Amino acid sequence: MSEANAKYRGVIIIALIFMGMTLLAKYAMDFLRKTETETEVQVQKVLDGDTVKLEDGRLIRLIGVDCPEFNKEEGNELDASKLKIPYPHFVSYAKKAKDYLETRVDQGPLKMVMDPAFKNFVDPSGRSWAYFNKGGRSINQDMIRQGYCFLHQGYQFRDRKAFFQAQNQAKAEKRGLWNQAN
């Protein structure tokens, strides 16, 4: 076999491997999307900026979202310090985030999407974790984009990159938590 044929065969093999890996990645993402569980739900009560109680009694935490908490001074001080946000301004967003979430979920049913990575997960507070969508928009991402909450740093999740971009947008536009003048 000539040297030119060997090079040609090598290029073809590399191209076929690349095409195979691309198709495998596409099918893997399609599979993950299909294993997500999407249901229509009604929220009974918003407990805080990142947790709701559904009409069926389940407690759900919004995936990827972290908010200032009511009555958790130590955790709030740590988060405010890490985010470089003055503490009084930071804690004022516990109520603002809760109020904003109430406006997003109180008008009829919404879609709840269970990420396959958290499908059977229940945290120490008894909450399952999910995404919420209304009118084709992610409520989780919108909470961050509007500056009511910040990106949860403790775990990986499907929409992390988009949420990170939403947080950077909120910072750049000085929205909510990121606007210390309001």
C-alpha atoms as a PDB file:
ATOM      1  CA  MET A   1       0.000   0.000   0.000  1.00  0.00           C
ATOM      2  CA  SER A   2       1.389   3.389  -0.938  1.00  0.00           C
ATOM      3  CA  GLU A   3       2.018   6.161   1.558  1.00  0.00           C
ATOM      4  CA  ALA A   4      -0.706   8.319  -0.047  1.00  0.00           C
ATOM      5  CA  ASN A   5      -3.284   5.519   0.326  1.00  0.00           C
ATOM      6  CA  ALA A   6      -2.323   5.037   3.983  1.00  0.00           C
ATOM      7  CA  LYS A   7      -2.781   8.769   4.670  1.00  0.00           C
ATOM      8  CA  TYR A   8      -6.091   8.756   2.815  1.00  0.00           C
ATOM      9  CA  ARG A   9      -7.283   5.717   4.774  1.00  0.00           C
ATOM     10  CA  GLY A  10      -6.203   7.402   8.052  1.00  0.00           C
ATOM     11  CA  VAL A  11      -8.143  10.567   7.228  1.00  0.00           C
ATOM     12  CA  ILE A  12     -11.242   8.516   6.411  1.00  0.00           C
ATOM     13  CA  ILE A  13     -10.978   6.575   9.672  1.00  0.00           C
ATOM     14  CA  ILE A  14     -10.615   9.792  11.693  1.00  0.00           C
ATOM     15  CA  ALA A  15     -13.597  11.342   9.864  1.00  0.00           C
ATOM     16  CA  LEU A  16     -15.732   8.260  10.530  1.00  0.00           C
ATOM     17  CA  ILE A  17     -14.768   8.247  14.211  1.00  0.00           C
ATOM     18  CA  PHE A  18     -15.648  11.948  14.485  1.00  0.00           C
ATOM     19  CA  MET A  19     -19.000  11.434  12.745  1.00  0.00           C
ATOM     20  CA  GLY A  20     -19.770   8.478  15.008  1.00  0.00           C
ATOM     21  CA  MET A  21     -18.951  10.467  18.146  1.00  0.00           C
ATOM     22  CA  THR A  22     -21.123  13.372  16.937  1.00  0.00           C
ATOM     23  CA  LEU A  23     -24.085  11.066  16.309  1.00  0.00           C
ATOM     24  CA  LEU A  24     -23.581   9.331  19.660  1.00  0.00           C
ATOM     25  CA  ALA A  25     -23.583  12.703  21.474  1.00  0.00           C
ATOM     26  CA  LYS A  26     -26.755  13.760  19.645  1.00  0.00           C
ATOM     27  CA  TYR A  27     -28.572  10.540  20.529  1.00  0.00           C
ATOM     28  CA  ALA A  28     -27.365  10.715  24.138  1.00  0.00           C
ATOM     29  CA  MET A  29     -28.800  14.252  24.483  1.00  0.00           C
ATOM     30  CA  ASP A  30     -32.057  13.169  22.825  1.00  0.00           C
ATOM     31  CA  PHE A  31     -32.261  10.230  25.247  1.00  0.00           C
ATOM     32  CA  LEU A  32     -31.697  12.490  28.251  1.00  0.00           C
ATOM     33  CA  ARG A  33     -34.354  14.919  27.049  1.00  0.00           C
ATOM     34  CA  LYS A  34     -36.822  12.039  26.604  1.00  0.00           C
ATOM     35  CA  THR A  35     -36.156  10.760  30.120  1.00  0.00           C
ATOM     36  CA  GLU A  36     -37.138  14.105  31.601  1.00  0.00           C
ATOM     37  CA  THR A  37     -40.529  13.975  33.222  1.00  0.00           C
ATOM     38  CA  GLU A  38     -42.715  16.959  32.350  1.00  0.00           C
ATOM     39  CA  THR A  39     -46.008  17.396  34.151  1.00  0.00           C
ATOM     40  CA  GLU A  40     -48.550  20.149  34.550  1.00  0.00           C
ATOM     41  CA  VAL A  41     -48.773  21.254  38.189  1.00  0.00           C
ATOM     42  CA  GLN A  42     -50.462  23.851  40.348  1.00  0.00           C
ATOM     43  CA  VAL A  43     -48.569  25.629  43.131  1.00  0.00           C
ATOM     44  CA  GLN A  44     -50.393  25.785  46.453  1.00  0.00           C
ATOM     45  CA  LYS A  45     -47.910  28.064  48.204  1.00  0.00           C
ATOM     46  CA  VAL A  46     -44.553  29.750  47.612  1.00  0.00           C
ATOM     47  CA  LEU A  47     -42.435  29.095  50.700  1.00  0.00           C
ATOM     48  CA  ASP A  48     -39.461  31.245  49.711  1.00  0.00           C
ATOM     49  CA  GLY A  49     -37.635  32.397  46.594  1.00  0.00           C
ATOM     50  CA  ASP A  50     -36.524  28.919  45.571  1.00  0.00           C
ATOM     51  CA  THR A  51     -39.086  26.541  47.126  1.00  0.00           C
ATOM     52  CA  VAL A  52     -42.773  25.888  46.453  1.00  0.00           C
ATOM     53  CA  LYS A  53     -45.420  23.540  47.794  1.00  0.00           C
ATOM     54  CA  LEU A  54     -47.583  21.929  45.124  1.00  0.00           C
ATOM     55  CA  GLU A  55     -51.304  21.275  45.431  1.00  0.00           C
ATOM     56  CA  ASP A  56     -50.512  17.567  45.898  1.00  0.00           C
ATOM     57  CA  GLY A  57     -48.346  18.440  48.924  1.00  0.00           C
ATOM     58  CA  ARG A  58     -44.915  17.883  47.373  1.00  0.00           C
ATOM     59  CA  LEU A  59     -42.146  20.352  48.208  1.00  0.00           C
ATOM     60  CA  ILE A  60     -40.092  21.386  45.173  1.00  0.00           C
ATOM     61  CA  ARG A  61     -36.868  23.378  45.021  1.00  0.00           C
ATOM     62  CA  LEU A  62     -36.112  25.215  41.788  1.00  0.00           C
ATOM     63  CA  ILE A  63     -33.034  23.604  40.189  1.00  0.00           C
ATOM     64  CA  GLY A  64     -30.061  25.939  39.815  1.00  0.00           C
ATOM     65  CA  VAL A  65     -31.532  28.749  41.892  1.00  0.00           C
ATOM     66  CA  ASP A  66     -30.289  29.998  45.245  1.00  0.00           C
ATOM     67  CA  CYS A  67     -31.888  32.887  47.114  1.00  0.00           C
ATOM     68  CA  PRO A  68     -31.328  34.784  50.323  1.00  0.00           C
ATOM     69  CA  GLU A  69     -33.137  32.904  53.086  1.00  0.00           C
ATOM     70  CA  PHE A  70     -35.512  34.026  55.805  1.00  0.00           C
ATOM     71  CA  ASN A  71     -34.075  33.646  59.321  1.00  0.00           C
ATOM     72  CA  LYS A  72     -30.718  32.138  58.309  1.00  0.00           C
ATOM     73  CA  GLU A  73     -28.291  34.879  59.242  1.00  0.00           C
ATOM     74  CA  GLU A  74     -25.104  32.795  59.127  1.00  0.00           C
ATOM     75  CA  GLY A  75     -25.774  31.332  55.659  1.00  0.00           C
ATOM     76  CA  ASN A  76     -26.872  34.709  54.307  1.00  0.00           C
ATOM     77  CA  GLU A  77     -23.729  36.404  55.631  1.00  0.00           C
ATOM     78  CA  LEU A  78     -21.554  33.785  53.956  1.00  0.00           C
ATOM     79  CA  ASP A  79     -23.399  34.045  50.611  1.00  0.00           C
ATOM     80  CA  ALA A  80     -23.414  37.868  50.684  1.00  0.00           C
ATOM     81  CA  SER A  81     -19.698  37.861  51.397  1.00  0.00           C
ATOM     82  CA  LYS A  82     -18.910  35.379  48.600  1.00  0.00           C
ATOM     83  CA  LEU A  83     -20.995  37.387  46.128  1.00  0.00           C
ATOM     84  CA  LYS A  84     -19.579  40.712  47.372  1.00  0.00           C
ATOM     85  CA  ILE A  85     -23.048  42.123  48.042  1.00  0.00           C
ATOM     86  CA  PRO A  86     -23.664  44.240  51.168  1.00  0.00           C
ATOM     87  CA  TYR A  87     -25.522  42.139  53.732  1.00  0.00           C
ATOM     88  CA  PRO A  88     -28.579  44.430  54.292  1.00  0.00           C
ATOM     89  CA  HIS A  89     -29.140  44.667  50.526  1.00  0.00           C
ATOM     90  CA  PHE A  90     -28.690  40.891  50.140  1.00  0.00           C
ATOM     91  CA  VAL A  91     -31.206  39.879  52.834  1.00  0.00           C
ATOM     92  CA  SER A  92     -33.824  42.277  51.474  1.00  0.00           C
ATOM     93  CA  TYR A  93     -34.053  39.913  48.503  1.00  0.00           C
ATOM     94  CA  ALA A  94     -35.434  37.035  50.595  1.00  0.00           C
ATOM     95  CA  LYS A  95     -38.877  38.679  50.472  1.00  0.00           C
ATOM     96  CA  LYS A  96     -38.432  40.196  46.998  1.00  0.00           C
ATOM     97  CA  ALA A  97     -37.533  36.800  45.503  1.00  0.00           C
ATOM     98  CA  LYS A  98     -40.499  35.129  47.212  1.00  0.00           C
ATOM     99  CA  ASP A  99     -42.873  37.869  46.017  1.00  0.00           C
ATOM    100  CA  TYR A 100     -41.561  37.668  42.446  1.00  0.00           C
ATOM    101  CA  LEU A 101     -41.887  33.881  42.370  1.00  0.00           C
ATOM    102  CA  GLU A 102     -45.486  34.197  43.594  1.00  0.00           C
ATOM    103  CA  THR A 103     -46.305  36.449  40.623  1.00  0.00           C
ATOM    104  CA  ARG A 104     -44.823  33.882  38.234  1.00  0.00           C
ATOM    105  CA  VAL A 105     -46.619  30.789  39.551  1.00  0.00           C
ATOM    106  CA  ASP A 106     -49.967  32.009  40.876  1.00  0.00           C
ATOM    107  CA  GLN A 107     -51.918  32.292  37.632  1.00  0.00           C
ATOM    108  CA  GLY A 108     -52.938  28.787  36.664  1.00  0.00           C
ATOM    109  CA  PRO A 109     -50.981  25.641  35.958  1.00  0.00           C
ATOM    110  CA  LEU A 110     -47.362  25.509  34.895  1.00  0.00           C
ATOM    111  CA  LYS A 111     -45.005  22.865  33.557  1.00  0.00           C
ATOM    112  CA  MET A 112     -42.686  21.122  35.983  1.00  0.00           C
ATOM    113  CA  VAL A 113     -39.716  19.350  34.415  1.00  0.00           C
ATOM    114  CA  MET A 114     -37.763  16.801  36.419  1.00  0.00           C
ATOM    115  CA  ASP A 115     -34.111  16.695  35.346  1.00  0.00           C
ATOM    116  CA  PRO A 116     -33.037  13.034  34.984  1.00  0.00           C
ATOM    117  CA  ALA A 117     -30.036  13.735  37.232  1.00  0.00           C
ATOM    118  CA  PHE A 118     -32.417  14.661  40.083  1.00  0.00           C
ATOM    119  CA  LYS A 119     -35.396  12.459  39.201  1.00  0.00           C
ATOM    120  CA  ASN A 120     -35.363  10.399  42.421  1.00  0.00           C
ATOM    121  CA  PHE A 121     -33.445  12.901  44.541  1.00  0.00           C
ATOM    122  CA  VAL A 122     -34.900  14.362  47.742  1.00  0.00           C
ATOM    123  CA  ASP A 123     -32.753  16.825  49.709  1.00  0.00           C
ATOM    124  CA  PRO A 124     -32.436  16.925  53.530  1.00  0.00           C
ATOM    125  CA  SER A 125     -35.347  19.400  53.654  1.00  0.00           C
ATOM    126  CA  GLY A 126     -37.665  16.876  51.947  1.00  0.00           C
ATOM    127  CA  ARG A 127     -37.706  18.693  48.603  1.00  0.00           C
ATOM    128  CA  SER A 128     -37.522  17.240  45.118  1.00  0.00           C
ATOM    129  CA  TRP A 129     -35.754  19.466  42.586  1.00  0.00           C
ATOM    130  CA  ALA A 130     -37.246  20.599  39.285  1.00  0.00           C
ATOM    131  CA  TYR A 131     -37.424  23.232  36.572  1.00  0.00           C
ATOM    132  CA  PHE A 132     -40.609  25.248  36.154  1.00  0.00           C
ATOM    133  CA  ASN A 133     -41.759  26.672  32.824  1.00  0.00           C
ATOM    134  CA  LYS A 134     -44.610  29.018  32.059  1.00  0.00           C
ATOM    135  CA  GLY A 135     -45.480  30.373  28.653  1.00  0.00           C
ATOM    136  CA  GLY A 136     -42.419  28.697  27.161  1.00  0.00           C
ATOM    137  CA  ARG A 137     -40.024  30.453  29.561  1.00  0.00           C
ATOM    138  CA  SER A 138     -37.939  29.008  32.363  1.00  0.00           C
ATOM    139  CA  ILE A 139     -39.024  30.481  35.690  1.00  0.00           C
ATOM    140  CA  ASN A 140     -35.793  29.205  37.277  1.00  0.00           C
ATOM    141  CA  GLN A 141     -33.619  31.031  34.757  1.00  0.00           C
ATOM    142  CA  ASP A 142     -35.816  34.125  34.866  1.00  0.00           C
ATOM    143  CA  MET A 143     -35.389  34.389  38.670  1.00  0.00           C
ATOM    144  CA  ILE A 144     -31.631  34.616  38.089  1.00  0.00           C
ATOM    145  CA  ARG A 145     -31.871  36.866  34.997  1.00  0.00           C
ATOM    146  CA  GLN A 146     -33.991  39.380  36.911  1.00  0.00           C
ATOM    147  CA  GLY A 147     -31.510  39.391  39.812  1.00  0.00           C
ATOM    148  CA  TYR A 148     -33.847  37.986  42.468  1.00  0.00           C
ATOM    149  CA  CYS A 149     -31.615  34.966  42.986  1.00  0.00           C
ATOM    150  CA  PHE A 150     -28.167  33.725  42.109  1.00  0.00           C
ATOM    151  CA  LEU A 151     -26.735  30.587  40.534  1.00  0.00           C
ATOM    152  CA  HIS A 152     -26.549  27.648  42.935  1.00  0.00           C
ATOM    153  CA  GLN A 153     -22.913  26.536  43.054  1.00  0.00           C
ATOM    154  CA  GLY A 154     -23.249  23.180  44.808  1.00  0.00           C
ATOM    155  CA  TYR A 155     -23.994  20.819  41.904  1.00  0.00           C
ATOM    156  CA  GLN A 156     -24.061  20.294  38.146  1.00  0.00           C
ATOM    157  CA  PHE A 157     -27.333  20.432  36.225  1.00  0.00           C
ATOM    158  CA  ARG A 158     -28.532  20.488  32.631  1.00  0.00           C
ATOM    159  CA  ASP A 159     -29.072  24.256  32.227  1.00  0.00           C
ATOM    160  CA  ARG A 160     -26.071  25.459  34.262  1.00  0.00           C
ATOM    161  CA  LYS A 161     -24.407  27.255  31.347  1.00  0.00           C
ATOM    162  CA  ALA A 162     -27.589  29.197  30.452  1.00  0.00           C
ATOM    163  CA  PHE A 163     -28.143  30.095  34.122  1.00  0.00           C
ATOM    164  CA  PHE A 164     -24.545  31.278  34.417  1.00  0.00           C
ATOM    165  CA  GLN A 165     -25.081  33.517  31.377  1.00  0.00           C
ATOM    166  CA  ALA A 166     -28.322  34.830  32.905  1.00  0.00           C
ATOM    167  CA  GLN A 167     -26.483  35.724  36.111  1.00  0.00           C
ATOM    168  CA  ASN A 168     -23.746  37.505  34.170  1.00  0.00           C
ATOM    169  CA  GLN A 169     -26.441  39.438  32.304  1.00  0.00           C
ATOM    170  CA  ALA A 170     -28.103  40.451  35.593  1.00  0.00           C
ATOM    171  CA  LYS A 171     -24.729  41.591  36.969  1.00  0.00           C
ATOM    172  CA  ALA A 172     -23.876  43.560  33.834  1.00  0.00           C
ATOM    173  CA  GLU A 173     -27.292  45.263  33.850  1.00  0.00           C
ATOM    174  CA  LYS A 174     -27.177  45.744  37.648  1.00  0.00           C
ATOM    175  CA  ARG A 175     -30.503  44.034  38.210  1.00  0.00           C
ATOM    176  CA  GLY A 176     -31.867  43.094  41.607  1.00  0.00           C
ATOM    177  CA  LEU A 177     -29.210  41.723  43.950  1.00  0.00           C
ATOM    178  CA  TRP A 178     -26.517  43.161  41.713  1.00  0.00           C
ATOM    179  CA  ASN A 179     -27.852  46.746  41.977  1.00  0.00           C
ATOM    180  CA  GLN A 180     -26.833  48.007  45.375  1.00  0.00           C
ATOM    181  CA  ALA A 181     -28.399  51.412  44.686  1.00  0.00           C
ATOM    182  CA  ASN A 182     -32.001  50.136  44.892  1.00  0.00           C
END
